[in-house]
N, C-alpha and C. Protein backbone atom coordinates (compact mmCIF):
# COMPACT_ATOMS: atom_id res chain seq x y z
N MET A 1 1.02 -1.10 -0.03
CA MET A 1 0.00 -0.08 -0.10
C MET A 1 0.87 1.20 0.01
N GLY A 2 2.03 1.30 0.79
CA GLY A 2 2.95 2.37 0.74
C GLY A 2 3.45 2.59 -0.63
N TYR A 3 3.79 1.47 -1.43
CA TYR A 3 4.27 1.61 -2.76
C TYR A 3 3.20 2.25 -3.73
N GLY A 4 1.90 2.04 -3.45
CA GLY A 4 0.94 2.53 -4.25
C GLY A 4 0.64 3.97 -3.91
N VAL A 5 0.83 4.45 -2.51
CA VAL A 5 0.63 5.80 -2.22
C VAL A 5 1.91 6.57 -2.78
N HIS A 6 3.07 5.80 -2.82
CA HIS A 6 4.16 6.64 -3.33
C HIS A 6 3.99 6.86 -4.86
N GLN A 7 3.59 6.01 -5.60
CA GLN A 7 3.17 6.17 -7.05
C GLN A 7 2.19 7.19 -7.29
N ILE A 8 1.23 7.40 -6.33
CA ILE A 8 0.28 8.42 -6.53
C ILE A 8 0.89 9.73 -6.45
N THR A 9 1.67 9.91 -5.22
CA THR A 9 2.36 11.13 -5.00
C THR A 9 3.35 11.55 -5.96
N LEU A 10 3.93 10.58 -6.59
CA LEU A 10 4.84 10.79 -7.89
C LEU A 10 4.12 11.34 -9.10
N GLU A 11 2.90 10.83 -9.22
CA GLU A 11 2.08 11.25 -10.43
C GLU A 11 1.50 12.77 -10.14
N THR A 12 1.51 12.96 -8.84
CA THR A 12 0.99 14.36 -8.57
C THR A 12 2.21 15.34 -8.62
N GLY A 13 3.41 15.06 -8.82
CA GLY A 13 4.37 15.86 -8.71
C GLY A 13 5.05 16.11 -7.39
N ILE A 14 4.65 15.36 -6.46
CA ILE A 14 5.29 15.36 -5.09
C ILE A 14 6.30 14.40 -5.04
N ARG A 15 7.71 14.83 -4.85
CA ARG A 15 8.62 13.62 -4.54
C ARG A 15 9.05 13.60 -3.18
N LEU A 16 8.82 12.41 -2.61
CA LEU A 16 9.00 12.14 -1.38
C LEU A 16 9.83 10.93 -1.36
N PRO A 17 10.80 10.62 -0.33
CA PRO A 17 11.30 9.38 -0.16
C PRO A 17 10.21 8.17 -0.02
N LEU A 18 10.53 7.03 -0.45
CA LEU A 18 9.68 5.94 -0.45
C LEU A 18 9.16 5.65 0.98
N PHE A 19 10.03 5.66 1.99
CA PHE A 19 9.81 5.41 3.23
C PHE A 19 8.66 6.20 3.94
N ILE A 20 8.41 7.47 3.52
CA ILE A 20 7.43 8.42 4.01
C ILE A 20 5.92 7.77 3.68
N PRO A 21 5.54 7.47 2.44
CA PRO A 21 4.19 6.83 2.34
C PRO A 21 4.13 5.56 3.09
N CYS A 22 5.19 4.60 3.13
CA CYS A 22 5.05 3.61 3.76
C CYS A 22 4.89 3.78 5.33
N LEU A 23 5.57 4.81 5.89
CA LEU A 23 5.38 5.13 7.30
C LEU A 23 3.86 5.52 7.64
N ILE A 24 3.47 6.43 6.66
CA ILE A 24 2.09 6.82 6.86
C ILE A 24 0.94 5.70 6.89
N ILE A 25 1.13 4.93 5.89
CA ILE A 25 0.22 3.72 5.83
C ILE A 25 0.42 2.83 7.11
N GLY A 26 1.68 2.50 7.56
CA GLY A 26 1.80 1.82 8.68
C GLY A 26 1.16 2.63 9.97
N ILE A 27 1.36 3.87 10.01
CA ILE A 27 0.57 4.44 11.02
C ILE A 27 -0.98 4.31 11.11
N LEU A 28 -1.49 4.47 10.01
CA LEU A 28 -2.78 4.22 9.71
C LEU A 28 -3.32 2.89 10.01
N MET A 29 -2.60 1.93 9.68
CA MET A 29 -2.89 0.55 9.90
C MET A 29 -2.84 0.10 11.40
N ALA A 30 -1.78 0.62 11.95
CA ALA A 30 -1.66 0.26 13.56
C ALA A 30 -2.71 0.90 14.24
N ASN A 31 -3.08 2.11 13.91
CA ASN A 31 -4.27 2.67 14.54
C ASN A 31 -5.69 2.31 14.21
N GLN A 32 -5.81 1.71 13.07
CA GLN A 32 -7.18 1.12 12.76
C GLN A 32 -7.19 -0.35 13.02
N GLN A 33 -6.08 -1.01 13.44
CA GLN A 33 -6.17 -2.60 13.62
C GLN A 33 -7.45 -2.82 14.60
N PRO A 34 -7.40 -2.25 15.91
CA PRO A 34 -8.60 -2.65 16.73
C PRO A 34 -10.07 -2.54 16.19
N ALA A 35 -10.14 -1.48 15.21
CA ALA A 35 -11.53 -1.39 14.66
C ALA A 35 -11.76 -2.36 13.45
N LEU A 36 -10.64 -2.52 12.70
CA LEU A 36 -10.81 -3.46 11.64
C LEU A 36 -10.75 -4.91 11.92
N PHE A 37 -9.88 -5.21 13.09
CA PHE A 37 -9.72 -6.63 13.13
C PHE A 37 -9.83 -6.77 14.87
N PRO A 38 -11.22 -6.76 15.38
CA PRO A 38 -11.25 -6.62 16.76
C PRO A 38 -11.08 -8.05 17.45
N LYS A 39 -10.87 -9.11 16.75
CA LYS A 39 -10.54 -10.36 17.35
C LYS A 39 -9.02 -10.65 17.43
N LEU A 40 -8.34 -9.96 16.91
CA LEU A 40 -6.80 -10.12 16.94
C LEU A 40 -6.52 -9.61 18.29
N PRO A 41 -5.58 -10.28 18.83
CA PRO A 41 -5.10 -9.85 20.25
C PRO A 41 -4.46 -8.57 20.29
N GLU A 42 -4.46 -7.75 21.21
CA GLU A 42 -3.80 -6.39 21.38
C GLU A 42 -2.31 -6.68 21.61
N VAL A 43 -1.30 -6.06 20.85
CA VAL A 43 -0.08 -6.31 20.99
C VAL A 43 0.70 -5.04 21.64
N ARG A 44 0.04 -3.95 21.64
CA ARG A 44 0.75 -2.79 22.36
C ARG A 44 0.95 -3.00 23.78
N GLY A 45 2.22 -2.64 24.16
CA GLY A 45 2.58 -2.72 25.49
C GLY A 45 2.81 -4.10 25.97
N THR A 46 3.02 -5.07 25.12
CA THR A 46 3.38 -6.38 25.45
C THR A 46 4.70 -6.62 25.58
N PRO A 47 5.31 -7.54 26.37
CA PRO A 47 6.88 -7.89 26.39
C PRO A 47 7.29 -8.37 25.05
N VAL A 48 6.50 -9.09 24.25
CA VAL A 48 6.98 -9.40 22.99
C VAL A 48 7.19 -8.19 22.04
N LEU A 49 6.32 -7.33 22.10
CA LEU A 49 6.68 -5.99 21.26
C LEU A 49 7.93 -5.28 21.66
N ALA A 50 8.00 -5.15 23.07
CA ALA A 50 9.15 -4.49 23.61
C ALA A 50 10.33 -5.01 23.13
N LEU A 51 10.29 -6.46 23.14
CA LEU A 51 11.53 -7.22 22.61
C LEU A 51 11.93 -7.06 21.23
N ILE A 52 10.90 -6.92 20.42
CA ILE A 52 10.94 -6.72 18.91
C ILE A 52 11.60 -5.23 18.68
N SER A 53 10.94 -4.30 19.43
CA SER A 53 11.28 -3.00 19.25
C SER A 53 12.68 -2.77 19.58
N GLU A 54 13.06 -3.30 20.76
CA GLU A 54 14.53 -3.08 21.21
C GLU A 54 15.44 -3.71 20.18
N PHE A 55 15.17 -4.87 19.82
CA PHE A 55 16.02 -5.79 18.75
C PHE A 55 16.08 -4.83 17.58
N SER A 56 14.96 -4.33 16.97
CA SER A 56 14.98 -3.50 15.72
C SER A 56 15.71 -2.31 15.88
N LEU A 57 15.54 -1.63 17.03
CA LEU A 57 16.50 -0.43 17.27
C LEU A 57 17.95 -0.70 17.37
N SER A 58 18.25 -1.89 17.99
CA SER A 58 19.66 -2.22 18.17
C SER A 58 20.28 -2.53 16.55
N VAL A 59 19.41 -3.32 15.79
CA VAL A 59 19.90 -3.54 14.61
C VAL A 59 20.05 -2.33 13.68
N PHE A 60 19.07 -1.31 13.84
CA PHE A 60 19.12 -0.05 13.15
C PHE A 60 20.41 0.60 13.41
N GLN A 61 20.74 0.73 14.70
CA GLN A 61 21.93 1.51 15.24
C GLN A 61 23.16 0.79 14.60
N ALA A 62 23.22 -0.48 14.70
CA ALA A 62 24.40 -1.16 14.23
C ALA A 62 24.58 -0.97 12.78
N ILE A 63 23.63 -1.18 11.88
CA ILE A 63 23.76 -0.81 10.50
C ILE A 63 24.14 0.56 10.32
N SER A 64 23.58 1.57 10.91
CA SER A 64 23.94 3.01 10.78
C SER A 64 25.28 3.05 11.16
N LEU A 65 25.77 2.80 12.12
CA LEU A 65 27.34 2.94 12.49
C LEU A 65 28.20 2.05 11.52
N MET A 66 27.83 1.02 10.92
CA MET A 66 28.65 0.15 10.08
C MET A 66 28.69 0.92 8.86
N SER A 67 27.71 1.62 8.23
CA SER A 67 27.71 2.29 7.05
C SER A 67 28.51 3.63 7.05
N MET A 68 28.78 4.04 8.11
CA MET A 68 29.31 5.34 8.16
C MET A 68 30.81 5.18 7.54
N ARG A 69 31.16 6.07 6.70
CA ARG A 69 32.62 6.16 6.13
C ARG A 69 33.41 7.24 6.78
N LEU A 70 33.83 7.07 8.06
CA LEU A 70 34.41 8.24 8.82
C LEU A 70 35.76 8.45 8.14
N TRP A 71 36.48 7.59 7.45
CA TRP A 71 37.77 8.02 6.77
C TRP A 71 37.61 9.12 5.97
N THR A 72 36.40 9.30 5.31
CA THR A 72 36.32 10.51 4.25
C THR A 72 36.28 11.74 4.95
N LEU A 73 36.32 11.88 6.28
CA LEU A 73 36.11 13.05 7.03
C LEU A 73 37.40 13.42 7.87
N ALA A 74 38.42 12.56 7.53
CA ALA A 74 39.76 12.67 8.20
C ALA A 74 40.31 14.14 8.19
N GLY A 75 40.24 14.70 7.06
CA GLY A 75 40.78 16.14 6.76
C GLY A 75 39.93 17.18 7.67
N LEU A 76 38.78 16.85 8.09
CA LEU A 76 37.98 17.79 8.83
C LEU A 76 37.69 17.32 10.26
N ALA A 77 38.69 16.60 10.62
CA ALA A 77 38.61 15.93 12.08
C ALA A 77 38.58 17.11 13.00
N GLY A 78 39.45 18.17 13.08
CA GLY A 78 39.50 19.22 14.16
C GLY A 78 38.17 19.95 14.12
N PRO A 79 37.82 20.67 12.97
CA PRO A 79 36.74 21.41 12.96
C PRO A 79 35.43 20.55 13.41
N LEU A 80 35.44 19.25 12.74
CA LEU A 80 34.20 18.54 13.18
C LEU A 80 34.06 18.27 14.61
N PHE A 81 35.26 17.83 15.23
CA PHE A 81 35.18 17.70 16.70
C PHE A 81 34.67 19.04 17.46
N LEU A 82 35.22 20.13 17.03
CA LEU A 82 34.81 21.39 17.59
C LEU A 82 33.29 21.83 17.67
N VAL A 83 32.90 21.59 16.36
CA VAL A 83 31.45 21.53 15.98
C VAL A 83 30.59 20.62 17.07
N MET A 84 31.02 19.37 17.06
CA MET A 84 30.40 18.39 17.85
C MET A 84 30.40 18.70 19.49
N GLU A 85 31.51 19.17 19.88
CA GLU A 85 31.61 19.65 21.20
C GLU A 85 30.51 20.74 21.50
N LEU A 86 30.56 21.78 20.50
CA LEU A 86 29.65 23.00 20.88
C LEU A 86 28.30 22.43 20.63
N LEU A 87 27.97 21.58 19.88
CA LEU A 87 26.56 20.98 19.80
C LEU A 87 26.29 20.31 20.96
N VAL A 88 27.12 19.35 21.64
CA VAL A 88 26.82 18.77 22.80
C VAL A 88 26.56 19.77 23.88
N VAL A 89 27.48 20.73 24.04
CA VAL A 89 27.29 21.61 25.15
C VAL A 89 26.02 22.45 25.06
N LEU A 90 25.69 22.86 23.80
CA LEU A 90 24.52 23.63 23.73
C LEU A 90 23.13 22.81 23.80
N THR A 91 23.25 21.59 23.60
CA THR A 91 22.16 20.71 23.60
C THR A 91 21.93 20.40 25.19
N LEU A 92 22.96 20.10 26.03
CA LEU A 92 22.92 19.99 27.34
C LEU A 92 22.34 21.14 27.92
N VAL A 93 22.79 22.36 27.70
CA VAL A 93 22.25 23.47 28.33
C VAL A 93 20.85 23.79 28.06
N PHE A 94 20.39 23.57 26.85
CA PHE A 94 19.13 23.77 26.38
C PHE A 94 18.36 22.72 27.10
N CYS A 95 18.54 21.38 27.31
CA CYS A 95 17.84 20.33 27.91
C CYS A 95 17.52 20.59 29.35
N VAL A 96 18.73 21.00 29.94
CA VAL A 96 18.82 21.06 31.53
C VAL A 96 18.16 22.53 31.88
N PHE A 97 18.36 23.61 31.25
CA PHE A 97 18.04 24.87 31.69
C PHE A 97 16.84 25.48 31.12
N ILE A 98 16.36 24.80 29.97
CA ILE A 98 15.13 25.36 29.18
C ILE A 98 14.16 24.40 29.16
N LEU A 99 14.38 23.22 28.48
CA LEU A 99 13.44 22.22 28.36
C LEU A 99 12.84 21.70 29.55
N PHE A 100 13.79 21.16 30.50
CA PHE A 100 13.39 20.58 31.77
C PHE A 100 12.46 21.37 32.65
N ILE A 101 12.90 22.71 32.67
CA ILE A 101 11.99 23.80 33.41
C ILE A 101 10.70 23.93 32.64
N ALA A 102 10.76 24.06 31.30
CA ALA A 102 9.42 24.46 30.58
C ALA A 102 8.55 23.31 30.65
N MET A 103 8.98 21.97 30.90
CA MET A 103 8.11 20.95 30.86
C MET A 103 7.63 20.70 32.28
N GLY A 104 8.17 21.26 33.36
CA GLY A 104 7.40 21.21 34.62
C GLY A 104 8.40 20.56 35.81
N ARG A 105 9.71 20.54 35.50
CA ARG A 105 10.54 19.90 36.47
C ARG A 105 10.15 18.78 37.16
N ASN A 106 9.57 17.76 36.55
CA ASN A 106 9.34 16.36 37.12
C ASN A 106 9.86 15.26 36.30
N TYR A 107 9.56 14.15 36.67
CA TYR A 107 10.12 12.95 35.90
C TYR A 107 9.90 12.98 34.46
N THR A 108 8.72 13.16 34.20
CA THR A 108 8.13 13.16 32.67
C THR A 108 9.22 14.40 31.89
N ALA A 109 9.27 15.42 32.58
CA ALA A 109 10.34 16.40 32.03
C ALA A 109 11.68 15.93 31.87
N ALA A 110 12.06 15.09 32.81
CA ALA A 110 13.47 14.51 32.85
C ALA A 110 13.65 13.49 31.64
N VAL A 111 12.66 12.84 31.50
CA VAL A 111 12.77 11.76 30.37
C VAL A 111 12.49 12.47 29.03
N LEU A 112 11.63 13.61 28.99
CA LEU A 112 11.54 14.25 27.79
C LEU A 112 12.99 15.01 27.39
N ALA A 113 13.65 15.52 28.49
CA ALA A 113 14.97 16.18 28.31
C ALA A 113 15.93 15.17 27.66
N ALA A 114 15.95 13.90 28.24
CA ALA A 114 16.87 12.92 27.79
C ALA A 114 16.42 12.56 26.54
N GLY A 115 15.42 12.41 26.15
CA GLY A 115 14.91 12.03 24.77
C GLY A 115 15.27 13.08 23.66
N PHE A 116 15.00 14.35 24.14
CA PHE A 116 15.28 15.36 23.11
C PHE A 116 16.81 15.69 22.99
N GLY A 117 17.62 15.27 24.04
CA GLY A 117 19.18 15.27 23.88
C GLY A 117 19.48 14.16 22.72
N GLY A 118 18.86 13.19 22.79
CA GLY A 118 19.07 12.15 21.74
C GLY A 118 18.73 12.59 20.48
N PHE A 119 17.50 13.23 20.45
CA PHE A 119 17.14 13.90 19.14
C PHE A 119 17.86 14.84 18.48
N ALA A 120 18.35 15.79 19.44
CA ALA A 120 19.30 16.74 19.07
C ALA A 120 20.55 16.41 18.45
N LEU A 121 21.06 15.35 19.18
CA LEU A 121 22.46 14.67 18.79
C LEU A 121 22.38 13.64 17.79
N GLY A 122 21.24 13.11 17.41
CA GLY A 122 21.16 12.04 16.41
C GLY A 122 19.88 11.96 15.74
N ALA A 123 18.91 11.13 15.96
CA ALA A 123 17.63 11.05 15.36
C ALA A 123 16.58 10.28 16.17
N THR A 124 15.49 9.97 15.72
CA THR A 124 14.38 9.56 16.59
C THR A 124 14.86 8.19 17.24
N PRO A 125 15.50 7.41 16.47
CA PRO A 125 15.84 6.08 17.26
C PRO A 125 16.90 6.36 18.48
N THR A 126 17.58 7.40 18.41
CA THR A 126 18.36 7.87 19.37
C THR A 126 17.66 8.44 20.66
N THR A 127 16.61 9.12 20.14
CA THR A 127 15.59 9.59 21.11
C THR A 127 14.94 8.43 22.05
N VAL A 128 14.65 7.37 21.35
CA VAL A 128 13.96 6.19 22.02
C VAL A 128 14.93 5.53 22.86
N ALA A 129 16.39 5.29 22.39
CA ALA A 129 17.25 4.69 23.02
C ALA A 129 17.63 5.40 24.40
N ASN A 130 17.78 6.82 24.31
CA ASN A 130 17.97 7.58 25.54
C ASN A 130 16.72 7.40 26.62
N MET A 131 15.57 7.51 26.04
CA MET A 131 14.44 7.55 27.05
C MET A 131 14.30 6.07 27.52
N THR A 132 14.58 5.08 26.66
CA THR A 132 14.41 3.55 27.33
C THR A 132 15.59 3.50 28.42
N ALA A 133 16.88 4.23 28.14
CA ALA A 133 17.84 3.91 29.12
C ALA A 133 17.37 4.50 30.56
N VAL A 134 16.69 5.74 30.41
CA VAL A 134 16.30 6.40 31.61
C VAL A 134 15.20 5.62 32.47
N THR A 135 14.21 5.30 31.62
CA THR A 135 13.07 4.55 32.30
C THR A 135 13.40 3.15 32.64
N LYS A 136 14.42 2.53 32.01
CA LYS A 136 14.70 1.23 32.61
C LYS A 136 15.40 1.33 34.09
N ARG A 137 16.00 2.41 34.27
CA ARG A 137 16.66 2.66 35.55
C ARG A 137 15.70 3.26 36.50
N PHE A 138 14.83 4.06 36.17
CA PHE A 138 13.99 4.99 37.08
C PHE A 138 12.66 4.70 37.08
N GLY A 139 12.10 3.88 36.07
CA GLY A 139 10.75 3.69 35.98
C GLY A 139 10.00 4.28 34.76
N PRO A 140 8.82 3.81 34.56
CA PRO A 140 8.20 3.98 33.29
C PRO A 140 7.77 5.62 33.12
N SER A 141 7.54 6.10 31.91
CA SER A 141 7.17 7.33 31.76
C SER A 141 6.35 7.39 30.35
N PRO A 142 5.07 6.77 30.47
CA PRO A 142 4.46 6.59 29.12
C PRO A 142 4.09 7.71 28.31
N LEU A 143 3.88 8.89 28.97
CA LEU A 143 3.67 10.15 28.35
C LEU A 143 4.79 10.51 27.37
N SER A 144 5.97 10.38 28.08
CA SER A 144 7.15 10.73 27.29
C SER A 144 7.27 10.06 26.00
N PHE A 145 6.96 8.65 26.15
CA PHE A 145 7.03 7.86 24.89
C PHE A 145 5.96 8.13 23.80
N VAL A 146 5.03 8.82 24.27
CA VAL A 146 3.86 9.22 23.34
C VAL A 146 4.32 10.63 22.56
N ILE A 147 4.71 11.46 23.39
CA ILE A 147 5.05 12.74 23.07
C ILE A 147 6.24 12.84 22.12
N LEU A 148 7.27 12.52 22.54
CA LEU A 148 8.50 12.84 21.84
C LEU A 148 8.78 12.08 20.53
N PRO A 149 8.71 10.68 20.64
CA PRO A 149 8.92 9.87 19.37
C PRO A 149 7.88 10.46 18.22
N LEU A 150 6.76 10.67 18.58
CA LEU A 150 5.68 11.14 17.46
C LEU A 150 6.01 12.43 17.20
N VAL A 151 6.54 13.31 17.86
CA VAL A 151 6.72 14.63 17.42
C VAL A 151 8.07 14.61 16.61
N SER A 152 9.13 14.00 17.06
CA SER A 152 10.32 13.93 16.38
C SER A 152 10.17 13.26 15.19
N ALA A 153 9.42 12.19 15.13
CA ALA A 153 9.39 11.38 13.86
C ALA A 153 8.46 12.12 13.03
N PHE A 154 7.42 12.98 13.33
CA PHE A 154 6.72 13.64 12.35
C PHE A 154 7.71 14.75 11.78
N PHE A 155 8.42 15.60 12.55
CA PHE A 155 9.27 16.72 12.05
C PHE A 155 10.28 16.11 11.16
N VAL A 156 10.92 15.02 11.64
CA VAL A 156 12.10 14.52 10.80
C VAL A 156 11.69 13.79 9.65
N ASP A 157 10.79 12.76 9.76
CA ASP A 157 10.28 11.90 8.77
C ASP A 157 9.22 12.32 7.83
N LEU A 158 8.39 13.22 8.33
CA LEU A 158 7.32 13.61 7.53
C LEU A 158 7.39 15.09 7.06
N ALA A 159 7.72 16.03 7.97
CA ALA A 159 7.66 17.50 7.61
C ALA A 159 9.01 17.78 6.86
N ASN A 160 10.11 17.16 7.31
CA ASN A 160 11.37 17.49 6.86
C ASN A 160 11.46 17.39 5.19
N PRO A 161 11.20 16.29 4.81
CA PRO A 161 11.25 16.22 3.18
C PRO A 161 10.43 16.97 2.50
N LEU A 162 9.06 17.39 3.01
CA LEU A 162 8.28 18.38 2.44
C LEU A 162 8.84 19.76 2.40
N ILE A 163 9.57 20.18 3.59
CA ILE A 163 10.12 21.41 3.72
C ILE A 163 11.23 21.57 2.69
N ILE A 164 12.05 20.49 2.68
CA ILE A 164 13.27 20.41 1.79
C ILE A 164 12.74 20.57 0.18
N GLN A 165 11.79 19.94 -0.04
CA GLN A 165 11.18 19.89 -1.33
C GLN A 165 10.77 21.39 -1.68
N PHE A 166 10.16 22.09 -0.78
CA PHE A 166 9.64 23.43 -0.95
C PHE A 166 10.89 24.34 -1.23
N PHE A 167 11.94 24.23 -0.51
CA PHE A 167 13.05 25.08 -0.68
C PHE A 167 13.83 24.80 -1.95
N VAL A 168 14.04 23.62 -2.28
CA VAL A 168 14.58 23.15 -3.44
C VAL A 168 13.84 23.72 -4.61
N GLY A 169 12.56 23.73 -4.54
CA GLY A 169 11.65 24.22 -5.68
C GLY A 169 11.78 25.78 -5.82
N LEU A 170 12.33 26.52 -4.79
CA LEU A 170 12.47 27.96 -4.89
C LEU A 170 13.54 28.34 -5.74
């Protein structure tokens, strides 16, 4: 179904990466499953789903790290490390002194700040990995796992290609 939506978007002149329509179809199917197939058992929040999610995240991170060609950046190592250090410091300052306070100075705010730190320094999978690490040690924070991955996935995976497409078209 994702391929079909992708073909439709191409015919209308909208050029998106293939994973965007597939992601949208997956979101729609996952949210319609209880209504369309009420006799199927609910899998959300089960240990099996948690295991599959963690395994998938680990595989994704391993593939991402293995596919990096760091040797091509050898000439830029000094400036690159300076920029990375600055990004880490600014992210830390933002998470601790702005985001944590703005979110209410509670446990949910702490998990959101940890997740946003992962998002700012990486991507949505890093967000989930950071929040999982915090919640494994200090307890669950369901609201954080609803808010941040959805928002970060929306902006990075859905809105970003549209915004880039708009600016390239200018």
